[in-house]
Amino acid sequence: MTNFEYYKTLTIGVIIGASTVILAFYMVKPEPPVSPQPVAEQVEKHGTFTVVSEYQGCDLVQWQYGMLSEYKYFLHCSK
């Protein structure tokens, strides 16, 4: 085996070994803990909610997204 073949084989081995180690660290990396948030907090980031009235025991909620000039209404019943 010549000097060139030796270094070529050594370089390929180092590349394969480093790739395997990097892949292993990536696969076993723990996920960051996710704190549970109520659904209302997750949705409020995308607009504003206002309770405007009550209908048959349910809240009539007005939703408005700041980027749009429109309002949407829906009923929220806590049953």
N, C-alpha and C. Protein backbone atom coordinates (compact mmCIF):
# COMPACT_ATOMS: atom_id res chain seq x y z
N MET A 1 0.84 -1.16 0.00
CA MET A 1 0.00 0.00 0.00
C MET A 1 0.89 1.23 0.00
N THR A 2 0.61 2.15 -0.91
CA THR A 2 1.45 3.34 -1.00
C THR A 2 0.98 4.39 0.01
N ASN A 3 1.78 5.39 0.15
CA ASN A 3 1.47 6.46 1.08
C ASN A 3 0.16 7.16 0.70
N PHE A 4 -0.08 7.37 -0.59
CA PHE A 4 -1.30 8.05 -1.06
C PHE A 4 -2.53 7.23 -0.72
N GLU A 5 -2.49 5.92 -0.97
CA GLU A 5 -3.63 5.06 -0.68
C GLU A 5 -3.91 5.02 0.82
N TYR A 6 -2.86 5.04 1.62
CA TYR A 6 -3.03 5.03 3.07
C TYR A 6 -3.76 6.28 3.55
N TYR A 7 -3.32 7.45 3.09
CA TYR A 7 -3.94 8.71 3.50
C TYR A 7 -5.37 8.84 2.95
N LYS A 8 -5.59 8.33 1.75
CA LYS A 8 -6.93 8.35 1.17
C LYS A 8 -7.87 7.50 2.02
N THR A 9 -7.44 6.30 2.38
CA THR A 9 -8.25 5.41 3.21
C THR A 9 -8.48 6.02 4.59
N LEU A 10 -7.46 6.62 5.17
CA LEU A 10 -7.58 7.25 6.48
C LEU A 10 -8.56 8.42 6.42
N THR A 11 -8.49 9.23 5.38
CA THR A 11 -9.39 10.38 5.24
C THR A 11 -10.84 9.93 5.09
N ILE A 12 -11.07 8.93 4.27
CA ILE A 12 -12.43 8.41 4.09
C ILE A 12 -12.95 7.83 5.41
N GLY A 13 -12.12 7.14 6.14
CA GLY A 13 -12.52 6.59 7.44
C GLY A 13 -12.88 7.67 8.44
N VAL A 14 -12.09 8.73 8.47
CA VAL A 14 -12.38 9.85 9.39
C VAL A 14 -13.70 10.51 9.00
N ILE A 15 -13.94 10.72 7.71
CA ILE A 15 -15.19 11.34 7.26
C ILE A 15 -16.39 10.48 7.62
N ILE A 16 -16.30 9.18 7.38
CA ILE A 16 -17.41 8.28 7.72
C ILE A 16 -17.61 8.23 9.23
N GLY A 17 -16.54 8.18 9.99
CA GLY A 17 -16.66 8.16 11.45
C GLY A 17 -17.28 9.43 12.00
N ALA A 18 -16.83 10.59 11.50
CA ALA A 18 -17.38 11.86 11.96
C ALA A 18 -18.85 11.98 11.59
N SER A 19 -19.19 11.54 10.40
CA SER A 19 -20.59 11.59 9.97
C SER A 19 -21.47 10.72 10.86
N THR A 20 -20.98 9.55 11.21
CA THR A 20 -21.73 8.64 12.07
C THR A 20 -21.91 9.23 13.46
N VAL A 21 -20.86 9.84 14.00
CA VAL A 21 -20.96 10.45 15.34
C VAL A 21 -21.94 11.63 15.32
N ILE A 22 -21.86 12.46 14.30
CA ILE A 22 -22.77 13.60 14.20
C ILE A 22 -24.21 13.12 14.07
N LEU A 23 -24.45 12.11 13.26
CA LEU A 23 -25.79 11.55 13.11
C LEU A 23 -26.28 10.96 14.42
N ALA A 24 -25.43 10.28 15.15
CA ALA A 24 -25.82 9.68 16.43
C ALA A 24 -26.20 10.76 17.43
N PHE A 25 -25.41 11.84 17.53
CA PHE A 25 -25.74 12.93 18.44
C PHE A 25 -27.06 13.59 18.04
N TYR A 26 -27.30 13.72 16.76
CA TYR A 26 -28.53 14.33 16.28
C TYR A 26 -29.74 13.46 16.62
N MET A 27 -29.58 12.15 16.50
CA MET A 27 -30.70 11.22 16.75
C MET A 27 -31.05 11.12 18.23
N VAL A 28 -30.08 11.18 19.11
CA VAL A 28 -30.35 11.01 20.54
C VAL A 28 -30.50 12.33 21.27
N LYS A 29 -30.48 13.45 20.54
CA LYS A 29 -30.62 14.76 21.16
C LYS A 29 -32.00 14.86 21.80
N PRO A 30 -32.09 15.19 23.09
CA PRO A 30 -33.40 15.29 23.73
C PRO A 30 -34.16 16.51 23.23
N GLU A 31 -35.47 16.35 23.12
CA GLU A 31 -36.32 17.45 22.71
C GLU A 31 -36.46 18.44 23.86
N PRO A 32 -36.51 19.72 23.58
CA PRO A 32 -36.71 20.68 24.66
C PRO A 32 -38.11 20.51 25.26
N PRO A 33 -38.24 20.68 26.56
CA PRO A 33 -39.55 20.49 27.18
C PRO A 33 -40.54 21.55 26.69
N VAL A 34 -41.74 21.11 26.39
CA VAL A 34 -42.77 22.01 25.91
C VAL A 34 -43.73 22.25 27.06
N SER A 35 -43.88 23.50 27.45
CA SER A 35 -44.80 23.81 28.54
C SER A 35 -46.22 23.85 27.98
N PRO A 36 -47.13 23.15 28.62
CA PRO A 36 -48.51 23.15 28.12
C PRO A 36 -49.14 24.52 28.30
N GLN A 37 -49.78 25.01 27.26
CA GLN A 37 -50.46 26.29 27.31
C GLN A 37 -51.92 26.07 26.99
N PRO A 38 -52.79 26.83 27.61
CA PRO A 38 -54.20 26.72 27.24
C PRO A 38 -54.40 27.10 25.78
N VAL A 39 -55.44 26.56 25.19
CA VAL A 39 -55.70 26.79 23.77
C VAL A 39 -55.90 28.27 23.49
N ALA A 40 -56.54 28.99 24.42
CA ALA A 40 -56.79 30.42 24.19
C ALA A 40 -55.49 31.19 24.06
N GLU A 41 -54.47 30.84 24.84
CA GLU A 41 -53.20 31.55 24.75
C GLU A 41 -52.50 31.27 23.43
N GLN A 42 -52.65 30.07 22.90
CA GLN A 42 -52.01 29.75 21.64
C GLN A 42 -52.69 30.49 20.49
N VAL A 43 -54.00 30.66 20.55
CA VAL A 43 -54.73 31.28 19.46
C VAL A 43 -54.65 32.80 19.53
N GLU A 44 -54.55 33.37 20.73
CA GLU A 44 -54.57 34.82 20.88
C GLU A 44 -53.42 35.50 20.16
N LYS A 45 -52.37 34.79 19.87
CA LYS A 45 -51.25 35.38 19.17
C LYS A 45 -51.63 35.78 17.75
N HIS A 46 -52.72 35.22 17.23
CA HIS A 46 -53.12 35.46 15.85
C HIS A 46 -54.33 36.39 15.75
N GLY A 47 -54.71 37.05 16.80
CA GLY A 47 -55.85 37.95 16.72
C GLY A 47 -56.33 38.32 18.12
N THR A 48 -57.40 39.09 18.15
CA THR A 48 -57.96 39.50 19.43
C THR A 48 -59.38 38.97 19.55
N PHE A 49 -59.73 38.57 20.76
CA PHE A 49 -61.05 38.04 21.04
C PHE A 49 -61.75 38.95 22.03
N THR A 50 -63.03 39.18 21.82
CA THR A 50 -63.83 39.99 22.73
C THR A 50 -65.20 39.34 22.86
N VAL A 51 -65.64 39.12 24.09
CA VAL A 51 -66.98 38.61 24.32
C VAL A 51 -67.93 39.79 24.21
N VAL A 52 -68.85 39.75 23.24
CA VAL A 52 -69.72 40.89 22.99
C VAL A 52 -71.14 40.67 23.48
N SER A 53 -71.55 39.41 23.65
CA SER A 53 -72.92 39.15 24.08
C SER A 53 -73.03 37.72 24.57
N GLU A 54 -74.24 37.34 24.93
CA GLU A 54 -74.51 35.96 25.35
C GLU A 54 -75.77 35.50 24.64
N TYR A 55 -75.75 34.24 24.18
CA TYR A 55 -76.89 33.69 23.45
C TYR A 55 -77.13 32.27 23.93
N GLN A 56 -78.27 32.03 24.55
CA GLN A 56 -78.70 30.73 25.05
C GLN A 56 -77.60 30.06 25.88
N GLY A 57 -77.01 30.79 26.80
CA GLY A 57 -76.01 30.23 27.69
C GLY A 57 -74.60 30.16 27.11
N CYS A 58 -74.42 30.60 25.89
CA CYS A 58 -73.10 30.58 25.26
C CYS A 58 -72.62 32.02 25.06
N ASP A 59 -71.32 32.20 25.04
CA ASP A 59 -70.75 33.52 24.79
C ASP A 59 -70.65 33.77 23.29
N LEU A 60 -71.06 34.96 22.87
CA LEU A 60 -70.87 35.38 21.49
C LEU A 60 -69.54 36.13 21.44
N VAL A 61 -68.58 35.56 20.72
CA VAL A 61 -67.22 36.08 20.72
C VAL A 61 -66.94 36.75 19.38
N GLN A 62 -66.33 37.94 19.46
CA GLN A 62 -65.91 38.66 18.26
C GLN A 62 -64.41 38.47 18.10
N TRP A 63 -63.98 38.04 16.91
CA TRP A 63 -62.56 37.83 16.63
C TRP A 63 -62.14 38.78 15.53
N GLN A 64 -61.00 39.44 15.74
CA GLN A 64 -60.49 40.37 14.73
C GLN A 64 -59.00 40.19 14.62
N TYR A 65 -58.54 39.99 13.40
CA TYR A 65 -57.12 39.87 13.12
C TYR A 65 -56.61 41.24 12.72
N GLY A 66 -55.55 41.72 13.37
CA GLY A 66 -55.07 43.08 13.18
C GLY A 66 -54.69 43.43 11.76
N MET A 67 -54.27 42.43 10.96
CA MET A 67 -53.82 42.70 9.61
C MET A 67 -55.00 42.85 8.63
N LEU A 68 -56.17 42.36 9.03
CA LEU A 68 -57.34 42.41 8.16
C LEU A 68 -58.37 43.36 8.75
N SER A 69 -59.23 43.89 7.91
CA SER A 69 -60.29 44.79 8.38
C SER A 69 -61.62 44.07 8.38
N GLU A 70 -61.67 42.94 9.04
CA GLU A 70 -62.92 42.21 9.12
C GLU A 70 -63.06 41.58 10.50
N TYR A 71 -64.29 41.38 10.88
CA TYR A 71 -64.60 40.75 12.15
C TYR A 71 -65.31 39.44 11.89
N LYS A 72 -65.04 38.46 12.72
CA LYS A 72 -65.73 37.18 12.65
C LYS A 72 -66.35 36.92 14.01
N TYR A 73 -67.51 36.30 14.01
CA TYR A 73 -68.22 36.02 15.24
C TYR A 73 -68.45 34.52 15.35
N PHE A 74 -68.36 34.00 16.57
CA PHE A 74 -68.67 32.60 16.81
C PHE A 74 -69.18 32.43 18.22
N LEU A 75 -69.85 31.30 18.46
CA LEU A 75 -70.37 30.98 19.78
C LEU A 75 -69.38 30.11 20.52
N HIS A 76 -69.17 30.38 21.77
CA HIS A 76 -68.29 29.57 22.61
C HIS A 76 -69.12 29.07 23.79
N CYS A 77 -69.38 27.76 23.77
CA CYS A 77 -70.17 27.15 24.84
C CYS A 77 -69.23 26.30 25.69
N SER A 78 -69.24 26.52 26.97
CA SER A 78 -68.34 25.76 27.87
C SER A 78 -69.12 24.62 28.52
N LYS A 79 -69.44 23.62 27.73
CA LYS A 79 -70.17 22.44 28.24
C LYS A 79 -69.29 21.23 28.14
